[in-house]
Amino acid sequence: MITTKSARKNARTEQKTGDLTQRQLEDLVETFKVLSDPTRLKIAITLTKAEMCVHDIAGATGISESAASHQLRILRSLRLVKHRREGKQIFYSLDDHHIEKLIRVATEHITER
């Protein structure tokens, strides 16, 4: 049987690991990788409390505004953080309740020792 390159790629994408496709598994790995960085995790935890601008995020996490912007760009690229513009200012918040829940469950897990 002859298979095309795209057919093999689709087959790999559709392979299941438990209830996840290969693509979903890769996305999950990428999410955990991004949140494994202490600075990005601090930003995510900070945003569980309130929507904030870069200046406030930088102050709350103890990093420069430039570093905060860079990390927020990475968090946004994986849809962990979203933004809204109000005039010249941009406010950031967690993308949805799942991100906060993920942080809360992980926190509960490590504090139950």
N, C-alpha and C. Protein backbone atom coordinates (compact mmCIF):
# COMPACT_ATOMS: atom_id res chain seq x y z
N MET A 1 0.84 -1.18 0.00
CA MET A 1 0.00 0.00 0.00
C MET A 1 0.88 1.25 0.00
N ILE A 2 0.59 2.18 -0.88
CA ILE A 2 1.36 3.41 -0.98
C ILE A 2 0.62 4.49 -0.21
N THR A 3 1.34 5.19 0.67
CA THR A 3 0.73 6.29 1.41
C THR A 3 1.46 7.58 1.07
N THR A 4 0.72 8.65 1.07
CA THR A 4 1.32 9.95 0.79
C THR A 4 1.89 10.52 2.08
N LYS A 5 2.74 11.51 1.92
CA LYS A 5 3.36 12.16 3.07
C LYS A 5 2.28 12.80 3.95
N SER A 6 1.29 13.45 3.34
CA SER A 6 0.24 14.09 4.13
C SER A 6 -0.63 13.05 4.85
N ALA A 7 -0.84 11.89 4.23
CA ALA A 7 -1.62 10.83 4.87
C ALA A 7 -0.89 10.32 6.10
N ARG A 8 0.44 10.15 5.99
CA ARG A 8 1.22 9.70 7.15
C ARG A 8 1.19 10.75 8.26
N LYS A 9 1.27 12.02 7.87
CA LYS A 9 1.24 13.10 8.86
C LYS A 9 -0.12 13.11 9.56
N ASN A 10 -1.20 12.99 8.80
CA ASN A 10 -2.54 12.96 9.40
C ASN A 10 -2.70 11.77 10.34
N ALA A 11 -2.14 10.63 9.96
CA ALA A 11 -2.22 9.44 10.81
C ALA A 11 -1.49 9.68 12.12
N ARG A 12 -0.31 10.34 12.07
CA ARG A 12 0.43 10.66 13.29
C ARG A 12 -0.36 11.61 14.16
N THR A 13 -0.99 12.60 13.55
CA THR A 13 -1.75 13.59 14.29
C THR A 13 -2.95 12.95 14.98
N GLU A 14 -3.52 11.95 14.34
CA GLU A 14 -4.71 11.31 14.88
C GLU A 14 -4.42 10.18 15.86
N GLN A 15 -3.15 9.77 15.98
CA GLN A 15 -2.83 8.73 16.95
C GLN A 15 -3.28 9.19 18.33
N LYS A 16 -3.82 8.28 19.08
CA LYS A 16 -4.35 8.64 20.40
C LYS A 16 -3.39 8.22 21.50
N THR A 17 -3.31 9.04 22.52
CA THR A 17 -2.62 8.72 23.76
C THR A 17 -3.67 8.91 24.84
N GLY A 18 -4.23 7.81 25.30
CA GLY A 18 -5.37 7.93 26.21
C GLY A 18 -6.52 8.53 25.41
N ASP A 19 -7.06 9.62 25.88
CA ASP A 19 -8.14 10.30 25.19
C ASP A 19 -7.64 11.47 24.35
N LEU A 20 -6.33 11.64 24.24
CA LEU A 20 -5.76 12.78 23.52
C LEU A 20 -5.19 12.36 22.17
N THR A 21 -5.37 13.21 21.17
CA THR A 21 -4.67 13.00 19.91
C THR A 21 -3.21 13.39 20.12
N GLN A 22 -2.36 13.03 19.20
CA GLN A 22 -0.95 13.40 19.28
C GLN A 22 -0.82 14.92 19.34
N ARG A 23 -1.60 15.61 18.54
CA ARG A 23 -1.54 17.09 18.52
C ARG A 23 -1.94 17.67 19.87
N GLN A 24 -3.00 17.14 20.48
CA GLN A 24 -3.43 17.62 21.79
C GLN A 24 -2.35 17.36 22.84
N LEU A 25 -1.72 16.20 22.76
CA LEU A 25 -0.65 15.85 23.69
C LEU A 25 0.50 16.84 23.55
N GLU A 26 0.87 17.16 22.31
CA GLU A 26 1.96 18.12 22.08
C GLU A 26 1.59 19.51 22.61
N ASP A 27 0.33 19.92 22.42
CA ASP A 27 -0.12 21.22 22.93
C ASP A 27 -0.08 21.24 24.46
N LEU A 28 -0.45 20.14 25.08
CA LEU A 28 -0.42 20.04 26.54
C LEU A 28 1.01 20.13 27.05
N VAL A 29 1.92 19.43 26.40
CA VAL A 29 3.34 19.49 26.76
C VAL A 29 3.84 20.93 26.66
N GLU A 30 3.50 21.60 25.58
CA GLU A 30 3.93 22.99 25.38
C GLU A 30 3.37 23.90 26.47
N THR A 31 2.12 23.69 26.87
CA THR A 31 1.52 24.49 27.94
C THR A 31 2.29 24.32 29.24
N PHE A 32 2.60 23.07 29.60
CA PHE A 32 3.35 22.83 30.83
C PHE A 32 4.77 23.38 30.73
N LYS A 33 5.38 23.31 29.55
CA LYS A 33 6.72 23.88 29.37
C LYS A 33 6.70 25.38 29.63
N VAL A 34 5.73 26.05 29.06
CA VAL A 34 5.65 27.50 29.22
C VAL A 34 5.41 27.86 30.68
N LEU A 35 4.54 27.13 31.34
CA LEU A 35 4.26 27.43 32.75
C LEU A 35 5.36 26.95 33.69
N SER A 36 6.32 26.18 33.19
CA SER A 36 7.41 25.73 34.04
C SER A 36 8.45 26.82 34.28
N ASP A 37 8.40 27.89 33.51
CA ASP A 37 9.30 29.01 33.72
C ASP A 37 8.81 29.82 34.92
N PRO A 38 9.64 30.04 35.95
CA PRO A 38 9.20 30.73 37.16
C PRO A 38 8.61 32.12 36.90
N THR A 39 9.19 32.88 35.99
CA THR A 39 8.68 34.23 35.71
C THR A 39 7.29 34.16 35.09
N ARG A 40 7.11 33.27 34.12
CA ARG A 40 5.80 33.16 33.48
C ARG A 40 4.76 32.64 34.46
N LEU A 41 5.16 31.71 35.32
CA LEU A 41 4.22 31.20 36.32
C LEU A 41 3.84 32.30 37.31
N LYS A 42 4.82 33.13 37.72
CA LYS A 42 4.51 34.26 38.61
C LYS A 42 3.50 35.20 37.96
N ILE A 43 3.69 35.46 36.68
CA ILE A 43 2.76 36.34 35.96
C ILE A 43 1.37 35.72 35.95
N ALA A 44 1.28 34.44 35.63
CA ALA A 44 -0.02 33.76 35.58
C ALA A 44 -0.69 33.79 36.95
N ILE A 45 0.07 33.52 38.01
CA ILE A 45 -0.49 33.56 39.37
C ILE A 45 -0.96 34.96 39.71
N THR A 46 -0.17 35.96 39.34
CA THR A 46 -0.55 37.36 39.58
C THR A 46 -1.87 37.68 38.87
N LEU A 47 -2.04 37.17 37.65
CA LEU A 47 -3.26 37.46 36.90
C LEU A 47 -4.47 36.67 37.38
N THR A 48 -4.27 35.72 38.31
CA THR A 48 -5.44 35.05 38.90
C THR A 48 -6.17 36.01 39.82
N LYS A 49 -5.48 37.04 40.28
CA LYS A 49 -6.05 37.99 41.23
C LYS A 49 -6.83 39.11 40.55
N ALA A 50 -6.30 39.60 39.43
CA ALA A 50 -6.95 40.73 38.75
C ALA A 50 -6.34 40.95 37.37
N GLU A 51 -7.09 41.65 36.55
CA GLU A 51 -6.59 42.11 35.26
C GLU A 51 -5.58 43.23 35.54
N MET A 52 -4.47 43.26 34.81
CA MET A 52 -3.43 44.26 35.07
C MET A 52 -2.76 44.73 33.79
N CYS A 53 -2.17 45.92 33.87
CA CYS A 53 -1.35 46.42 32.77
C CYS A 53 0.09 45.94 32.98
N VAL A 54 0.93 46.09 31.98
CA VAL A 54 2.32 45.62 32.05
C VAL A 54 3.05 46.24 33.23
N HIS A 55 2.85 47.53 33.45
CA HIS A 55 3.51 48.23 34.55
C HIS A 55 3.19 47.56 35.89
N ASP A 56 1.93 47.26 36.11
CA ASP A 56 1.52 46.63 37.37
C ASP A 56 2.00 45.19 37.48
N ILE A 57 1.98 44.47 36.37
CA ILE A 57 2.49 43.09 36.36
C ILE A 57 3.98 43.09 36.70
N ALA A 58 4.73 44.00 36.09
CA ALA A 58 6.17 44.09 36.36
C ALA A 58 6.41 44.39 37.84
N GLY A 59 5.66 45.33 38.39
CA GLY A 59 5.82 45.67 39.81
C GLY A 59 5.46 44.53 40.73
N ALA A 60 4.40 43.81 40.41
CA ALA A 60 3.94 42.71 41.26
C ALA A 60 4.87 41.51 41.22
N THR A 61 5.57 41.33 40.10
CA THR A 61 6.43 40.16 39.94
C THR A 61 7.92 40.48 40.13
N GLY A 62 8.25 41.75 40.24
CA GLY A 62 9.64 42.15 40.46
C GLY A 62 10.54 42.03 39.23
N ILE A 63 9.94 42.21 38.05
CA ILE A 63 10.73 42.17 36.81
C ILE A 63 10.54 43.48 36.06
N SER A 64 11.36 43.71 35.05
CA SER A 64 11.23 44.93 34.27
C SER A 64 9.99 44.86 33.38
N GLU A 65 9.53 46.02 32.94
CA GLU A 65 8.39 46.06 32.03
C GLU A 65 8.72 45.36 30.71
N SER A 66 9.95 45.51 30.25
CA SER A 66 10.37 44.85 29.02
C SER A 66 10.31 43.33 29.17
N ALA A 67 10.79 42.82 30.30
CA ALA A 67 10.75 41.37 30.55
C ALA A 67 9.31 40.89 30.67
N ALA A 68 8.47 41.69 31.34
CA ALA A 68 7.06 41.32 31.48
C ALA A 68 6.39 41.24 30.11
N SER A 69 6.65 42.23 29.27
CA SER A 69 6.07 42.24 27.91
C SER A 69 6.50 41.02 27.13
N HIS A 70 7.78 40.68 27.23
CA HIS A 70 8.30 39.52 26.51
C HIS A 70 7.60 38.24 26.98
N GLN A 71 7.48 38.06 28.28
CA GLN A 71 6.85 36.86 28.82
C GLN A 71 5.36 36.83 28.50
N LEU A 72 4.70 37.97 28.52
CA LEU A 72 3.28 38.03 28.17
C LEU A 72 3.06 37.64 26.72
N ARG A 73 3.97 38.00 25.85
CA ARG A 73 3.86 37.63 24.44
C ARG A 73 3.88 36.10 24.30
N ILE A 74 4.75 35.45 25.05
CA ILE A 74 4.82 33.98 25.02
C ILE A 74 3.53 33.38 25.58
N LEU A 75 3.05 33.91 26.69
CA LEU A 75 1.81 33.41 27.30
C LEU A 75 0.62 33.60 26.36
N ARG A 76 0.59 34.73 25.66
CA ARG A 76 -0.49 34.99 24.70
C ARG A 76 -0.44 34.03 23.53
N SER A 77 0.77 33.69 23.09
CA SER A 77 0.90 32.82 21.92
C SER A 77 0.29 31.44 22.17
N LEU A 78 0.21 31.03 23.41
CA LEU A 78 -0.40 29.74 23.75
C LEU A 78 -1.81 29.89 24.32
N ARG A 79 -2.35 31.08 24.19
CA ARG A 79 -3.71 31.38 24.66
C ARG A 79 -3.88 31.16 26.17
N LEU A 80 -2.81 31.42 26.92
CA LEU A 80 -2.91 31.34 28.37
C LEU A 80 -3.31 32.69 28.94
N VAL A 81 -2.98 33.74 28.21
CA VAL A 81 -3.27 35.12 28.60
C VAL A 81 -3.92 35.82 27.42
N LYS A 82 -4.85 36.72 27.72
CA LYS A 82 -5.45 37.55 26.67
C LYS A 82 -5.28 39.01 27.05
N HIS A 83 -5.56 39.90 26.12
CA HIS A 83 -5.43 41.33 26.42
C HIS A 83 -6.61 42.10 25.84
N ARG A 84 -6.77 43.28 26.40
CA ARG A 84 -7.75 44.22 25.86
C ARG A 84 -7.15 45.62 25.94
N ARG A 85 -7.49 46.42 24.98
CA ARG A 85 -6.97 47.78 24.92
C ARG A 85 -7.99 48.76 25.46
N GLU A 86 -7.49 49.70 26.26
CA GLU A 86 -8.33 50.79 26.76
C GLU A 86 -7.54 52.07 26.54
N GLY A 87 -7.87 52.78 25.46
CA GLY A 87 -7.08 53.95 25.08
C GLY A 87 -5.70 53.50 24.66
N LYS A 88 -4.67 54.05 25.31
CA LYS A 88 -3.29 53.66 25.00
C LYS A 88 -2.80 52.52 25.87
N GLN A 89 -3.59 52.15 26.85
CA GLN A 89 -3.14 51.12 27.79
C GLN A 89 -3.70 49.75 27.42
N ILE A 90 -2.89 48.73 27.66
CA ILE A 90 -3.31 47.35 27.40
C ILE A 90 -3.38 46.62 28.73
N PHE A 91 -4.49 45.94 28.96
CA PHE A 91 -4.70 45.18 30.18
C PHE A 91 -4.69 43.70 29.85
N TYR A 92 -4.04 42.94 30.72
CA TYR A 92 -3.90 41.50 30.54
C TYR A 92 -4.68 40.74 31.60
N SER A 93 -5.19 39.59 31.20
CA SER A 93 -5.89 38.70 32.13
C SER A 93 -5.68 37.27 31.64
N LEU A 94 -6.00 36.31 32.50
CA LEU A 94 -5.92 34.92 32.08
C LEU A 94 -6.95 34.70 30.98
N ASP A 95 -6.63 33.83 30.04
CA ASP A 95 -7.50 33.63 28.89
C ASP A 95 -8.87 33.07 29.28
N ASP A 96 -8.89 32.14 30.22
CA ASP A 96 -10.18 31.62 30.69
C ASP A 96 -10.01 30.96 32.05
N HIS A 97 -11.09 30.47 32.60
CA HIS A 97 -11.07 29.91 33.95
C HIS A 97 -10.25 28.62 34.05
N HIS A 98 -9.98 27.96 32.94
CA HIS A 98 -9.20 26.73 32.97
C HIS A 98 -7.77 26.97 33.43
N ILE A 99 -7.20 28.11 33.06
CA ILE A 99 -5.83 28.42 33.44
C ILE A 99 -5.74 28.60 34.95
N GLU A 100 -6.69 29.35 35.50
CA GLU A 100 -6.72 29.54 36.96
C GLU A 100 -6.92 28.19 37.67
N LYS A 101 -7.79 27.36 37.12
CA LYS A 101 -8.06 26.05 37.72
C LYS A 101 -6.80 25.18 37.68
N LEU A 102 -6.08 25.21 36.58
CA LEU A 102 -4.84 24.44 36.44
C LEU A 102 -3.84 24.84 37.53
N ILE A 103 -3.69 26.15 37.74
CA ILE A 103 -2.78 26.65 38.78
C ILE A 103 -3.27 26.25 40.17
N ARG A 104 -4.56 26.37 40.41
CA ARG A 104 -5.13 26.03 41.71
C ARG A 104 -4.96 24.55 42.03
N VAL A 105 -5.25 23.68 41.06
CA VAL A 105 -5.12 22.24 41.27
C VAL A 105 -3.66 21.85 41.52
N ALA A 106 -2.74 22.43 40.75
CA ALA A 106 -1.31 22.14 40.94
C ALA A 106 -0.85 22.62 42.32
N THR A 107 -1.34 23.77 42.75
CA THR A 107 -1.01 24.30 44.07
C THR A 107 -1.54 23.37 45.17
N GLU A 108 -2.76 22.91 45.02
CA GLU A 108 -3.34 21.97 45.99
C GLU A 108 -2.51 20.69 46.04
N HIS A 109 -2.07 20.23 44.88
CA HIS A 109 -1.28 19.00 44.82
C HIS A 109 0.02 19.13 45.62
N ILE A 110 0.73 20.24 45.45
CA ILE A 110 2.01 20.38 46.13
C ILE A 110 1.87 20.71 47.61
N THR A 111 0.73 21.26 48.02
CA THR A 111 0.55 21.61 49.44
C THR A 111 -0.04 20.46 50.26
N GLU A 112 -0.42 19.37 49.63
CA GLU A 112 -1.00 18.23 50.35
C GLU A 112 0.05 17.27 50.90
N ARG A 113 1.29 17.58 50.75
CA ARG A 113 2.36 16.68 51.20
C ARG A 113 2.42 16.56 52.68
